Amino acid sequence: MNDRRRASAHVFVDDLDVPVLQSDDAHHLTRVLRLRDGERVTASDGRGRWRNCRFDGSGLVADDEIESEASRDVVVLFALSKGDKPETAVQKLTELGVSRIVPFVAERSVVKWDDGKSQRNVERLRKVAREAAMQSRQVRLPVIDDVRPSLAAAIASVGDVVVAEPGGAALDASVTAIAVGPEGGFTPAELEGRRTVSLPGGVLRAETAAVVAGALLVDRHTR
């Protein structure tokens, strides 16, 4: 039985040959989910490899062979926004299976994190991504980049990126990375010389636009 969705839980471990639960995960399985001995748990290394295991009351017993899932290299770059919107975007993009997420500060971004806050918040985003990957049974943990100081810097760190902008071209299968702006949109200077694509729907909130972009990319690269 290799359908991960049928497992009682999904966790990440350092070594699939000897799957050892992290303390937080062990607490979650025993105290929150209250798994019973023998219940099925899938374990992944976060890099595309996973296997079936059995819960034995305190840890995991490996079953079956290790399986692998092909990589899907799709990237969403999103401008920082207020409140918990970055967490929402990262959570949903992880559930969709986006492989890399790059937060950046756009010229019209209201939020600008200092170095200390940036480090703490990025660590929080990585924790959100891990929890979302466990919930959605992903076998790859997305890479969450450090915050880039500008759209140009974010694009330079990725390479070939298109920018989401009303009136842009239709999205095609050649696109693997999309940058999404803040609530106020990108400035003309940020857009100058950029290839733009349009997203479906009306005027989208920043976090909604990021999720829509991720869904379109994943859909086009899993057909």
N, C-alpha and C. Protein backbone atom coordinates (compact mmCIF):
# COMPACT_ATOMS: atom_id res chain seq x y z
N MET A 1 0.86 -1.19 0.00
CA MET A 1 0.00 0.00 0.00
C MET A 1 0.89 1.23 0.00
N ASN A 2 0.93 1.99 -1.12
CA ASN A 2 1.86 3.10 -1.23
C ASN A 2 1.18 4.45 -1.36
N ASP A 3 -0.09 4.53 -0.99
CA ASP A 3 -0.79 5.80 -1.00
C ASP A 3 -0.56 6.49 0.34
N ARG A 4 0.24 7.56 0.34
CA ARG A 4 0.57 8.23 1.60
C ARG A 4 -0.64 8.82 2.29
N ARG A 5 -1.68 9.14 1.51
CA ARG A 5 -2.86 9.75 2.10
C ARG A 5 -3.59 8.81 3.05
N ARG A 6 -3.35 7.51 2.94
CA ARG A 6 -4.03 6.55 3.79
C ARG A 6 -3.30 6.30 5.11
N ALA A 7 -2.12 6.86 5.26
CA ALA A 7 -1.37 6.69 6.50
C ALA A 7 -2.00 7.52 7.61
N SER A 8 -1.80 7.09 8.85
CA SER A 8 -2.32 7.84 9.99
C SER A 8 -1.57 9.15 10.21
N ALA A 9 -0.31 9.19 9.77
CA ALA A 9 0.49 10.40 9.91
C ALA A 9 1.66 10.32 8.94
N HIS A 10 2.28 11.49 8.74
CA HIS A 10 3.45 11.59 7.87
C HIS A 10 4.48 12.43 8.60
N VAL A 11 5.75 11.98 8.63
CA VAL A 11 6.79 12.69 9.37
C VAL A 11 8.05 12.79 8.53
N PHE A 12 8.96 13.63 8.98
CA PHE A 12 10.27 13.75 8.35
C PHE A 12 11.34 13.24 9.30
N VAL A 13 12.28 12.49 8.75
CA VAL A 13 13.37 11.92 9.55
C VAL A 13 14.68 12.17 8.84
N ASP A 14 15.78 12.07 9.59
CA ASP A 14 17.10 12.31 9.00
C ASP A 14 17.58 11.12 8.19
N ASP A 15 17.24 9.90 8.62
CA ASP A 15 17.76 8.69 7.99
C ASP A 15 16.61 7.70 7.77
N LEU A 16 16.28 7.43 6.53
CA LEU A 16 15.19 6.51 6.25
C LEU A 16 15.56 5.06 6.53
N ASP A 17 16.84 4.75 6.53
CA ASP A 17 17.25 3.38 6.86
C ASP A 17 16.99 3.08 8.33
N VAL A 18 17.18 4.07 9.17
CA VAL A 18 16.89 3.95 10.61
C VAL A 18 16.04 5.16 10.99
N PRO A 19 14.72 5.11 10.74
CA PRO A 19 13.87 6.28 10.96
C PRO A 19 13.64 6.57 12.44
N VAL A 20 14.18 7.68 12.90
CA VAL A 20 14.04 8.09 14.30
C VAL A 20 13.22 9.38 14.36
N LEU A 21 12.18 9.37 15.18
CA LEU A 21 11.32 10.54 15.31
C LEU A 21 12.01 11.67 16.06
N GLN A 22 11.81 12.89 15.61
CA GLN A 22 12.22 14.04 16.41
C GLN A 22 11.28 14.15 17.61
N SER A 23 11.75 14.76 18.67
CA SER A 23 10.98 14.77 19.91
C SER A 23 9.61 15.43 19.73
N ASP A 24 9.55 16.52 18.97
CA ASP A 24 8.26 17.19 18.75
C ASP A 24 7.30 16.28 17.98
N ASP A 25 7.83 15.54 17.02
CA ASP A 25 6.99 14.64 16.24
C ASP A 25 6.51 13.46 17.08
N ALA A 26 7.39 12.95 17.93
CA ALA A 26 6.99 11.85 18.80
C ALA A 26 5.86 12.30 19.73
N HIS A 27 5.98 13.51 20.26
CA HIS A 27 4.93 14.04 21.13
C HIS A 27 3.62 14.19 20.35
N HIS A 28 3.72 14.67 19.11
CA HIS A 28 2.51 14.87 18.30
C HIS A 28 1.80 13.54 18.02
N LEU A 29 2.58 12.51 17.71
CA LEU A 29 1.97 11.22 17.39
C LEU A 29 1.35 10.56 18.62
N THR A 30 2.03 10.70 19.75
CA THR A 30 1.55 10.00 20.95
C THR A 30 0.51 10.79 21.72
N ARG A 31 0.70 12.11 21.86
CA ARG A 31 -0.15 12.91 22.74
C ARG A 31 -1.28 13.64 22.00
N VAL A 32 -1.03 14.00 20.73
CA VAL A 32 -2.04 14.75 19.98
C VAL A 32 -2.87 13.80 19.12
N LEU A 33 -2.20 13.04 18.26
CA LEU A 33 -2.93 12.10 17.40
C LEU A 33 -3.32 10.82 18.14
N ARG A 34 -2.60 10.52 19.23
CA ARG A 34 -2.87 9.33 20.04
C ARG A 34 -2.89 8.05 19.19
N LEU A 35 -1.82 7.90 18.40
CA LEU A 35 -1.73 6.70 17.56
C LEU A 35 -1.57 5.46 18.43
N ARG A 36 -2.08 4.37 17.93
CA ARG A 36 -1.96 3.08 18.61
C ARG A 36 -0.87 2.25 17.95
N ASP A 37 -0.37 1.28 18.69
CA ASP A 37 0.66 0.39 18.14
C ASP A 37 0.18 -0.23 16.84
N GLY A 38 1.08 -0.23 15.86
CA GLY A 38 0.77 -0.87 14.59
C GLY A 38 0.17 0.05 13.55
N GLU A 39 -0.22 1.28 13.94
CA GLU A 39 -0.78 2.19 12.94
C GLU A 39 0.31 2.61 11.95
N ARG A 40 -0.13 2.84 10.72
CA ARG A 40 0.80 3.13 9.64
C ARG A 40 1.19 4.60 9.64
N VAL A 41 2.50 4.84 9.53
CA VAL A 41 3.05 6.18 9.44
C VAL A 41 4.03 6.19 8.26
N THR A 42 3.96 7.21 7.41
CA THR A 42 4.95 7.33 6.35
C THR A 42 6.03 8.31 6.80
N ALA A 43 7.26 8.01 6.41
CA ALA A 43 8.40 8.85 6.77
C ALA A 43 9.14 9.26 5.50
N SER A 44 9.60 10.50 5.47
CA SER A 44 10.32 11.02 4.32
C SER A 44 11.60 11.70 4.78
N ASP A 45 12.58 11.77 3.88
CA ASP A 45 13.81 12.50 4.19
C ASP A 45 13.74 13.95 3.75
N GLY A 46 12.60 14.37 3.19
CA GLY A 46 12.44 15.75 2.74
C GLY A 46 13.07 16.04 1.40
N ARG A 47 13.70 15.02 0.79
CA ARG A 47 14.37 15.21 -0.49
C ARG A 47 13.79 14.29 -1.57
N GLY A 48 12.57 13.78 -1.33
CA GLY A 48 11.89 12.98 -2.34
C GLY A 48 11.85 11.49 -2.08
N ARG A 49 12.54 11.02 -1.04
CA ARG A 49 12.54 9.60 -0.71
C ARG A 49 11.65 9.37 0.51
N TRP A 50 10.92 8.26 0.52
CA TRP A 50 10.01 7.98 1.62
C TRP A 50 9.77 6.49 1.75
N ARG A 51 9.20 6.07 2.87
CA ARG A 51 8.87 4.66 3.06
C ARG A 51 7.73 4.52 4.07
N ASN A 52 7.08 3.37 4.03
CA ASN A 52 6.06 3.02 5.01
C ASN A 52 6.72 2.56 6.31
N CYS A 53 6.13 2.94 7.41
CA CYS A 53 6.60 2.50 8.72
C CYS A 53 5.38 2.13 9.58
N ARG A 54 5.66 1.49 10.71
CA ARG A 54 4.63 1.21 11.71
C ARG A 54 5.01 1.92 13.01
N PHE A 55 4.00 2.47 13.67
CA PHE A 55 4.22 3.10 14.96
C PHE A 55 4.21 2.02 16.03
N ASP A 56 5.22 2.02 16.91
CA ASP A 56 5.29 0.95 17.92
C ASP A 56 5.06 1.48 19.33
N GLY A 57 4.45 2.65 19.44
CA GLY A 57 4.17 3.21 20.77
C GLY A 57 5.11 4.31 21.16
N SER A 58 6.34 4.26 20.66
CA SER A 58 7.29 5.32 21.00
C SER A 58 8.14 5.74 19.81
N GLY A 59 8.14 4.93 18.76
CA GLY A 59 8.97 5.23 17.60
C GLY A 59 8.43 4.55 16.35
N LEU A 60 9.30 4.43 15.35
CA LEU A 60 8.91 3.87 14.07
C LEU A 60 9.65 2.58 13.77
N VAL A 61 8.96 1.65 13.14
CA VAL A 61 9.56 0.42 12.63
C VAL A 61 9.39 0.45 11.12
N ALA A 62 10.49 0.38 10.39
CA ALA A 62 10.44 0.51 8.94
C ALA A 62 9.79 -0.70 8.29
N ASP A 63 8.92 -0.45 7.32
CA ASP A 63 8.28 -1.48 6.50
C ASP A 63 8.55 -1.16 5.03
N ASP A 64 8.45 -2.18 4.18
CA ASP A 64 8.54 -1.98 2.73
C ASP A 64 9.87 -1.37 2.32
N GLU A 65 10.01 -1.15 1.01
CA GLU A 65 11.23 -0.57 0.46
C GLU A 65 11.10 0.96 0.40
N ILE A 66 12.24 1.60 0.34
CA ILE A 66 12.25 3.05 0.18
C ILE A 66 11.81 3.39 -1.25
N GLU A 67 10.91 4.33 -1.37
CA GLU A 67 10.43 4.78 -2.68
C GLU A 67 10.91 6.21 -2.94
N SER A 68 10.93 6.58 -4.21
CA SER A 68 11.36 7.92 -4.59
C SER A 68 10.31 8.59 -5.46
N GLU A 69 10.23 9.90 -5.35
CA GLU A 69 9.31 10.68 -6.15
C GLU A 69 10.09 11.71 -6.93
N ALA A 70 9.77 11.85 -8.22
CA ALA A 70 10.49 12.78 -9.08
C ALA A 70 10.37 14.21 -8.56
N SER A 71 11.41 14.99 -8.79
CA SER A 71 11.41 16.37 -8.34
C SER A 71 10.54 17.23 -9.26
N ARG A 72 10.05 18.32 -8.70
CA ARG A 72 9.26 19.28 -9.46
C ARG A 72 9.84 20.65 -9.15
N ASP A 73 10.61 21.21 -10.07
CA ASP A 73 11.33 22.45 -9.79
C ASP A 73 10.51 23.66 -10.21
N VAL A 74 9.65 24.10 -9.32
CA VAL A 74 8.85 25.30 -9.55
C VAL A 74 9.03 26.25 -8.38
N VAL A 75 9.14 27.54 -8.69
CA VAL A 75 9.52 28.54 -7.70
C VAL A 75 8.52 29.68 -7.68
N VAL A 76 8.14 30.11 -6.48
CA VAL A 76 7.32 31.31 -6.33
C VAL A 76 8.09 32.31 -5.49
N LEU A 77 8.21 33.53 -6.01
CA LEU A 77 8.82 34.64 -5.29
C LEU A 77 7.68 35.57 -4.88
N PHE A 78 7.60 35.94 -3.60
CA PHE A 78 6.50 36.81 -3.19
C PHE A 78 7.00 37.95 -2.31
N ALA A 79 6.38 39.11 -2.52
CA ALA A 79 6.74 40.30 -1.75
C ALA A 79 6.17 40.20 -0.34
N LEU A 80 6.93 40.66 0.62
CA LEU A 80 6.48 40.64 2.00
C LEU A 80 5.20 41.45 2.17
N SER A 81 4.31 40.95 3.02
CA SER A 81 3.07 41.64 3.32
C SER A 81 2.82 41.59 4.82
N LYS A 82 1.76 42.27 5.27
CA LYS A 82 1.52 42.45 6.69
C LYS A 82 0.97 41.19 7.37
N GLY A 83 1.10 41.17 8.70
CA GLY A 83 0.47 40.14 9.51
C GLY A 83 0.98 38.75 9.22
N ASP A 84 0.03 37.79 9.22
CA ASP A 84 0.40 36.40 9.00
C ASP A 84 0.25 35.98 7.54
N LYS A 85 0.14 36.95 6.64
CA LYS A 85 -0.03 36.62 5.22
C LYS A 85 1.16 35.83 4.65
N PRO A 86 2.41 36.18 5.00
CA PRO A 86 3.52 35.35 4.51
C PRO A 86 3.42 33.90 4.97
N GLU A 87 2.98 33.68 6.22
CA GLU A 87 2.82 32.32 6.70
C GLU A 87 1.73 31.58 5.92
N THR A 88 0.64 32.28 5.63
CA THR A 88 -0.44 31.66 4.85
C THR A 88 0.07 31.27 3.46
N ALA A 89 0.81 32.17 2.83
CA ALA A 89 1.34 31.88 1.50
C ALA A 89 2.26 30.68 1.53
N VAL A 90 3.18 30.64 2.49
CA VAL A 90 4.12 29.52 2.58
C VAL A 90 3.39 28.22 2.86
N GLN A 91 2.42 28.25 3.74
CA GLN A 91 1.65 27.05 4.07
C GLN A 91 0.98 26.48 2.82
N LYS A 92 0.27 27.31 2.09
CA LYS A 92 -0.47 26.84 0.93
C LYS A 92 0.45 26.43 -0.22
N LEU A 93 1.52 27.17 -0.42
CA LEU A 93 2.47 26.81 -1.48
C LEU A 93 3.13 25.47 -1.18
N THR A 94 3.40 25.21 0.09
CA THR A 94 3.97 23.91 0.47
C THR A 94 2.98 22.79 0.21
N GLU A 95 1.73 23.00 0.59
CA GLU A 95 0.70 21.98 0.36
C GLU A 95 0.56 21.65 -1.12
N LEU A 96 0.75 22.65 -1.97
CA LEU A 96 0.64 22.45 -3.41
C LEU A 96 1.83 21.68 -3.98
N GLY A 97 2.98 21.77 -3.33
CA GLY A 97 4.17 21.08 -3.82
C GLY A 97 5.17 21.97 -4.51
N VAL A 98 5.12 23.29 -4.25
CA VAL A 98 6.12 24.21 -4.79
C VAL A 98 7.47 23.87 -4.17
N SER A 99 8.52 23.87 -4.98
CA SER A 99 9.81 23.39 -4.49
C SER A 99 10.68 24.46 -3.84
N ARG A 100 10.44 25.73 -4.17
CA ARG A 100 11.26 26.80 -3.60
C ARG A 100 10.40 28.05 -3.45
N ILE A 101 10.58 28.75 -2.34
CA ILE A 101 9.81 29.95 -2.06
C ILE A 101 10.80 31.06 -1.67
N VAL A 102 10.69 32.19 -2.34
CA VAL A 102 11.65 33.28 -2.15
C VAL A 102 10.92 34.55 -1.72
N PRO A 103 10.96 34.91 -0.44
CA PRO A 103 10.37 36.18 -0.01
C PRO A 103 11.31 37.35 -0.34
N PHE A 104 10.72 38.49 -0.69
CA PHE A 104 11.55 39.65 -1.00
C PHE A 104 10.83 40.94 -0.62
N VAL A 105 11.58 42.01 -0.55
CA VAL A 105 11.02 43.33 -0.24
C VAL A 105 10.85 44.08 -1.56
N ALA A 106 9.61 44.37 -1.92
CA ALA A 106 9.33 45.16 -3.12
C ALA A 106 9.35 46.64 -2.76
N GLU A 107 9.41 47.49 -3.79
CA GLU A 107 9.47 48.93 -3.53
C GLU A 107 8.22 49.43 -2.80
N ARG A 108 7.08 48.78 -3.06
CA ARG A 108 5.84 49.19 -2.40
C ARG A 108 5.46 48.31 -1.22
N SER A 109 6.38 47.48 -0.78
CA SER A 109 6.11 46.66 0.40
C SER A 109 5.98 47.55 1.63
N VAL A 110 4.90 47.35 2.38
CA VAL A 110 4.71 48.09 3.63
C VAL A 110 5.62 47.52 4.70
N VAL A 111 5.79 46.19 4.67
CA VAL A 111 6.57 45.49 5.68
C VAL A 111 8.04 45.46 5.27
N LYS A 112 8.91 45.83 6.20
CA LYS A 112 10.35 45.74 5.98
C LYS A 112 10.97 45.22 7.27
N TRP A 113 11.44 43.98 7.25
CA TRP A 113 12.00 43.36 8.45
C TRP A 113 13.47 43.75 8.61
N ASP A 114 13.89 44.06 9.85
CA ASP A 114 15.32 44.25 10.09
C ASP A 114 15.99 42.89 10.13
N ASP A 115 17.32 42.86 10.25
CA ASP A 115 18.06 41.61 10.15
C ASP A 115 17.61 40.58 11.18
N GLY A 116 17.44 41.04 12.43
CA GLY A 116 17.05 40.12 13.49
C GLY A 116 15.66 39.57 13.27
N LYS A 117 14.73 40.44 12.95
CA LYS A 117 13.35 40.00 12.72
C LYS A 117 13.26 39.14 11.48
N SER A 118 14.05 39.46 10.46
CA SER A 118 14.05 38.67 9.23
C SER A 118 14.48 37.24 9.51
N GLN A 119 15.55 37.08 10.29
CA GLN A 119 16.03 35.74 10.61
C GLN A 119 14.99 34.95 11.39
N ARG A 120 14.38 35.58 12.39
CA ARG A 120 13.36 34.89 13.19
C ARG A 120 12.15 34.52 12.34
N ASN A 121 11.72 35.43 11.51
CA ASN A 121 10.52 35.18 10.70
C ASN A 121 10.75 34.13 9.63
N VAL A 122 11.94 34.12 9.05
CA VAL A 122 12.24 33.08 8.05
C VAL A 122 12.29 31.71 8.72
N GLU A 123 12.85 31.64 9.91
CA GLU A 123 12.83 30.36 10.63
C GLU A 123 11.40 29.93 10.92
N ARG A 124 10.55 30.89 11.25
CA ARG A 124 9.13 30.59 11.46
C ARG A 124 8.49 30.08 10.16
N LEU A 125 8.81 30.71 9.04
CA LEU A 125 8.27 30.26 7.75
C LEU A 125 8.72 28.84 7.43
N ARG A 126 9.95 28.50 7.77
CA ARG A 126 10.45 27.14 7.53
C ARG A 126 9.73 26.13 8.40
N LYS A 127 9.41 26.53 9.63
CA LYS A 127 8.64 25.64 10.50
C LYS A 127 7.23 25.45 9.94
N VAL A 128 6.62 26.53 9.48
CA VAL A 128 5.29 26.44 8.87
C VAL A 128 5.32 25.50 7.67
N ALA A 129 6.37 25.61 6.85
CA ALA A 129 6.49 24.75 5.67
C ALA A 129 6.61 23.28 6.07
N ARG A 130 7.38 23.01 7.10
CA ARG A 130 7.55 21.61 7.54
C ARG A 130 6.22 21.04 8.03
N GLU A 131 5.50 21.82 8.82
CA GLU A 131 4.21 21.34 9.33
C GLU A 131 3.22 21.13 8.18
N ALA A 132 3.22 22.04 7.21
CA ALA A 132 2.32 21.91 6.08
C ALA A 132 2.68 20.71 5.21
N ALA A 133 3.96 20.44 5.07
CA ALA A 133 4.40 19.29 4.28
C ALA A 133 4.00 17.98 4.96
N MET A 134 4.06 17.94 6.29
CA MET A 134 3.62 16.75 7.01
C MET A 134 2.12 16.55 6.84
N GLN A 135 1.36 17.63 6.97
CA GLN A 135 -0.10 17.54 6.87
C GLN A 135 -0.53 17.10 5.48
N SER A 136 0.15 17.61 4.45
CA SER A 136 -0.26 17.34 3.07
C SER A 136 0.46 16.13 2.46
N ARG A 137 1.30 15.46 3.25
CA ARG A 137 1.99 14.24 2.82
C ARG A 137 2.99 14.50 1.69
N GLN A 138 3.61 15.65 1.70
CA GLN A 138 4.67 15.93 0.72
C GLN A 138 5.94 15.19 1.12
N VAL A 139 6.70 14.73 0.14
CA VAL A 139 7.95 14.05 0.45
C VAL A 139 9.16 14.94 0.20
N ARG A 140 8.92 16.16 -0.23
CA ARG A 140 9.98 17.14 -0.39
C ARG A 140 9.64 18.39 0.41
N LEU A 141 10.59 18.84 1.19
CA LEU A 141 10.43 20.10 1.90
C LEU A 141 10.87 21.23 0.98
N PRO A 142 10.06 22.27 0.84
CA PRO A 142 10.48 23.36 -0.03
C PRO A 142 11.65 24.13 0.57
N VAL A 143 12.49 24.65 -0.28
CA VAL A 143 13.55 25.55 0.16
C VAL A 143 12.92 26.91 0.42
N ILE A 144 13.10 27.44 1.62
CA ILE A 144 12.62 28.79 1.95
C ILE A 144 13.84 29.69 2.03
N ASP A 145 14.00 30.56 1.05
CA ASP A 145 15.16 31.44 1.00
C ASP A 145 15.12 32.50 2.11
N ASP A 146 16.29 33.04 2.42
CA ASP A 146 16.33 34.25 3.22
C ASP A 146 15.66 35.37 2.44
N VAL A 147 15.20 36.40 3.14
CA VAL A 147 14.52 37.51 2.49
C VAL A 147 15.50 38.28 1.61
N ARG A 148 15.11 38.49 0.36
CA ARG A 148 15.93 39.28 -0.58
C ARG A 148 15.52 40.74 -0.48
N PRO A 149 16.48 41.66 -0.62
CA PRO A 149 16.19 43.08 -0.39
C PRO A 149 15.42 43.78 -1.51
N SER A 150 15.24 43.11 -2.63
CA SER A 150 14.55 43.74 -3.76
C SER A 150 14.09 42.67 -4.73
N LEU A 151 13.19 43.05 -5.65
CA LEU A 151 12.77 42.13 -6.71
C LEU A 151 13.96 41.72 -7.55
N ALA A 152 14.82 42.67 -7.89
CA ALA A 152 15.98 42.36 -8.73
C ALA A 152 16.88 41.33 -8.06
N ALA A 153 17.10 41.50 -6.75
CA ALA A 153 17.95 40.55 -6.03
C ALA A 153 17.30 39.17 -5.96
N ALA A 154 15.97 39.15 -5.78
CA ALA A 154 15.27 37.87 -5.72
C ALA A 154 15.36 37.15 -7.06
N ILE A 155 15.15 37.89 -8.15
CA ILE A 155 15.22 37.28 -9.48
C ILE A 155 16.64 36.80 -9.77
N ALA A 156 17.63 37.59 -9.38
CA ALA A 156 19.03 37.20 -9.62
C ALA A 156 19.38 35.90 -8.90
N SER A 157 18.74 35.63 -7.77
CA SER A 157 19.04 34.41 -7.02
C SER A 157 18.40 33.17 -7.64
N VAL A 158 17.43 33.39 -8.51
CA VAL A 158 16.71 32.27 -9.13
C VAL A 158 17.11 32.05 -10.58
N GLY A 159 17.12 33.14 -11.36
CA GLY A 159 17.45 33.02 -12.78
C GLY A 159 16.30 33.48 -13.65
N ASP A 160 15.72 32.56 -14.38
CA ASP A 160 14.65 32.89 -15.33
C ASP A 160 13.32 33.00 -14.60
N VAL A 161 12.85 34.22 -14.41
CA VAL A 161 11.63 34.47 -13.64
C VAL A 161 10.70 35.37 -14.44
N VAL A 162 9.40 35.06 -14.44
CA VAL A 162 8.41 35.98 -15.00
C VAL A 162 7.71 36.68 -13.85
N VAL A 163 7.12 37.82 -14.14
CA VAL A 163 6.48 38.64 -13.11
C VAL A 163 4.98 38.65 -13.34
N ALA A 164 4.21 38.38 -12.29
CA ALA A 164 2.75 38.41 -12.38
C ALA A 164 2.29 39.86 -12.42
N GLU A 165 1.55 40.22 -13.46
CA GLU A 165 1.12 41.60 -13.66
C GLU A 165 -0.12 41.60 -14.55
N PRO A 166 -1.19 42.32 -14.15
CA PRO A 166 -2.37 42.39 -15.01
C PRO A 166 -2.01 42.85 -16.42
N GLY A 167 -2.60 42.18 -17.40
CA GLY A 167 -2.32 42.52 -18.79
C GLY A 167 -1.13 41.80 -19.37
N GLY A 168 -0.49 40.94 -18.59
CA GLY A 168 0.65 40.19 -19.10
C GLY A 168 0.21 39.07 -20.02
N ALA A 169 1.17 38.34 -20.55
CA ALA A 169 0.88 37.24 -21.46
C ALA A 169 0.29 36.06 -20.70
N ALA A 170 -0.24 35.12 -21.46
CA ALA A 170 -0.76 33.89 -20.85
C ALA A 170 0.40 33.04 -20.35
N LEU A 171 0.19 32.37 -19.24
CA LEU A 171 1.21 31.50 -18.67
C LEU A 171 1.33 30.24 -19.51
N ASP A 172 2.57 29.86 -19.86
CA ASP A 172 2.77 28.63 -20.62
C ASP A 172 3.71 27.70 -19.88
N ALA A 173 3.91 26.52 -20.45
CA ALA A 173 4.67 25.47 -19.76
C ALA A 173 6.15 25.77 -19.64
N SER A 174 6.64 26.79 -20.33
CA SER A 174 8.06 27.13 -20.24
C SER A 174 8.39 27.84 -18.93
N VAL A 175 7.37 28.36 -18.26
CA VAL A 175 7.58 29.12 -17.03
C VAL A 175 7.75 28.18 -15.84
N THR A 176 8.80 28.37 -15.08
CA THR A 176 9.02 27.58 -13.87
C THR A 176 9.12 28.44 -12.62
N ALA A 177 9.14 29.77 -12.78
CA ALA A 177 9.26 30.66 -11.62
C ALA A 177 8.46 31.93 -11.87
N ILE A 178 7.67 32.32 -10.87
CA ILE A 178 6.83 33.52 -10.97
C ILE A 178 7.06 34.39 -9.74
N ALA A 179 7.20 35.70 -9.97
CA ALA A 179 7.30 36.66 -8.87
C ALA A 179 5.97 37.39 -8.72
N VAL A 180 5.50 37.47 -7.49
CA VAL A 180 4.22 38.11 -7.18
C VAL A 180 4.48 39.33 -6.29
N GLY A 181 3.84 40.45 -6.62
CA GLY A 181 4.12 41.69 -5.92
C GLY A 181 3.28 41.91 -4.69
N PRO A 182 3.45 43.08 -4.05
CA PRO A 182 2.68 43.44 -2.86
C PRO A 182 1.29 43.91 -3.23
N GLU A 183 0.48 44.29 -2.23
CA GLU A 183 -0.89 44.75 -2.48
C GLU A 183 -0.93 45.92 -3.46
N GLY A 184 0.04 46.80 -3.38
CA GLY A 184 0.06 47.98 -4.26
C GLY A 184 0.64 47.72 -5.62
N GLY A 185 1.09 46.50 -5.87
CA GLY A 185 1.65 46.16 -7.17
C GLY A 185 3.10 46.58 -7.31
N PHE A 186 3.70 46.20 -8.42
CA PHE A 186 5.08 46.58 -8.72
C PHE A 186 5.14 48.00 -9.28
N THR A 187 6.26 48.65 -9.10
CA THR A 187 6.46 49.97 -9.69
C THR A 187 6.90 49.81 -11.14
N PRO A 188 6.73 50.86 -11.96
CA PRO A 188 7.22 50.79 -13.34
C PRO A 188 8.71 50.44 -13.43
N ALA A 189 9.49 50.96 -12.49
CA ALA A 189 10.93 50.67 -12.51
C ALA A 189 11.19 49.19 -12.28
N GLU A 190 10.41 48.57 -11.38
CA GLU A 190 10.59 47.14 -11.13
C GLU A 190 10.20 46.30 -12.34
N LEU A 191 9.20 46.78 -13.09
CA LEU A 191 8.69 46.01 -14.22
C LEU A 191 9.50 46.22 -15.50
N GLU A 192 10.30 47.26 -15.54
CA GLU A 192 11.00 47.60 -16.77
C GLU A 192 11.88 46.44 -17.25
N GLY A 193 11.63 46.01 -18.48
CA GLY A 193 12.42 44.94 -19.08
C GLY A 193 12.04 43.54 -18.64
N ARG A 194 10.99 43.42 -17.80
CA ARG A 194 10.60 42.10 -17.29
C ARG A 194 9.54 41.46 -18.19
N ARG A 195 9.59 40.17 -18.31
CA ARG A 195 8.52 39.42 -18.96
C ARG A 195 7.38 39.26 -17.96
N THR A 196 6.18 39.62 -18.34
CA THR A 196 5.04 39.56 -17.42
C THR A 196 4.01 38.53 -17.88
N VAL A 197 3.30 37.97 -16.91
CA VAL A 197 2.20 37.04 -17.19
C VAL A 197 1.02 37.46 -16.32
N SER A 198 -0.17 37.17 -16.79
CA SER A 198 -1.37 37.50 -16.03
C SER A 198 -1.88 36.26 -15.31
N LEU A 199 -2.50 36.49 -14.15
CA LEU A 199 -3.11 35.41 -13.39
C LEU A 199 -4.63 35.49 -13.55
N PRO A 200 -5.33 34.37 -13.46
CA PRO A 200 -6.79 34.40 -13.61
C PRO A 200 -7.46 35.08 -12.42
N GLY A 201 -8.69 35.51 -12.63
CA GLY A 201 -9.45 36.13 -11.56
C GLY A 201 -9.39 37.65 -11.64
N GLY A 202 -9.93 38.28 -10.61
CA GLY A 202 -9.94 39.73 -10.54
C GLY A 202 -8.67 40.26 -9.90
N VAL A 203 -8.81 41.34 -9.13
CA VAL A 203 -7.67 41.89 -8.40
C VAL A 203 -7.46 41.02 -7.17
N LEU A 204 -6.36 40.30 -7.13
CA LEU A 204 -6.11 39.32 -6.08
C LEU A 204 -5.32 39.93 -4.93
N ARG A 205 -5.60 39.48 -3.72
CA ARG A 205 -4.75 39.81 -2.59
C ARG A 205 -3.38 39.19 -2.83
N ALA A 206 -2.37 39.76 -2.20
CA ALA A 206 -1.00 39.32 -2.45
C ALA A 206 -0.82 37.84 -2.16
N GLU A 207 -1.33 37.39 -1.00
CA GLU A 207 -1.15 35.98 -0.65
C GLU A 207 -1.97 35.07 -1.56
N THR A 208 -3.14 35.56 -2.02
CA THR A 208 -3.94 34.76 -2.96
C THR A 208 -3.22 34.64 -4.29
N ALA A 209 -2.63 35.73 -4.75
CA ALA A 209 -1.89 35.70 -6.02
C ALA A 209 -0.73 34.71 -5.96
N ALA A 210 -0.03 34.67 -4.82
CA ALA A 210 1.08 33.73 -4.68
C ALA A 210 0.59 32.29 -4.77
N VAL A 211 -0.53 32.00 -4.13
CA VAL A 211 -1.07 30.64 -4.15
C VAL A 211 -1.56 30.28 -5.55
N VAL A 212 -2.22 31.20 -6.21
CA VAL A 212 -2.68 30.95 -7.58
C VAL A 212 -1.50 30.69 -8.50
N ALA A 213 -0.46 31.49 -8.37
CA ALA A 213 0.74 31.29 -9.19
C ALA A 213 1.35 29.91 -8.94
N GLY A 214 1.43 29.53 -7.67
CA GLY A 214 1.97 28.20 -7.34
C GLY A 214 1.13 27.08 -7.90
N ALA A 215 -0.18 27.21 -7.80
CA ALA A 215 -1.07 26.16 -8.30
C ALA A 215 -0.93 26.00 -9.81
N LEU A 216 -0.83 27.12 -10.53
CA LEU A 216 -0.69 27.05 -11.98
C LEU A 216 0.64 26.40 -12.37
N LEU A 217 1.71 26.77 -11.68
CA LEU A 217 3.02 26.18 -11.98
C LEU A 217 3.03 24.67 -11.73
N VAL A 218 2.53 24.27 -10.57
CA VAL A 218 2.51 22.84 -10.23
C VAL A 218 1.67 22.07 -11.23
N ASP A 219 0.51 22.61 -11.57
CA ASP A 219 -0.37 21.94 -12.53
C ASP A 219 0.31 21.74 -13.87
N ARG A 220 1.01 22.75 -14.35
CA ARG A 220 1.64 22.65 -15.66
C ARG A 220 2.86 21.75 -15.67
N HIS A 221 3.43 21.50 -14.52
CA HIS A 221 4.64 20.67 -14.48
C HIS A 221 4.41 19.30 -13.85
N THR A 222 3.15 18.91 -13.73
CA THR A 222 2.84 17.55 -13.28
C THR A 222 1.96 16.81 -14.29
N ARG A 223 1.71 17.42 -15.41
CA ARG A 223 0.88 16.77 -16.43
C ARG A 223 1.69 15.71 -17.17
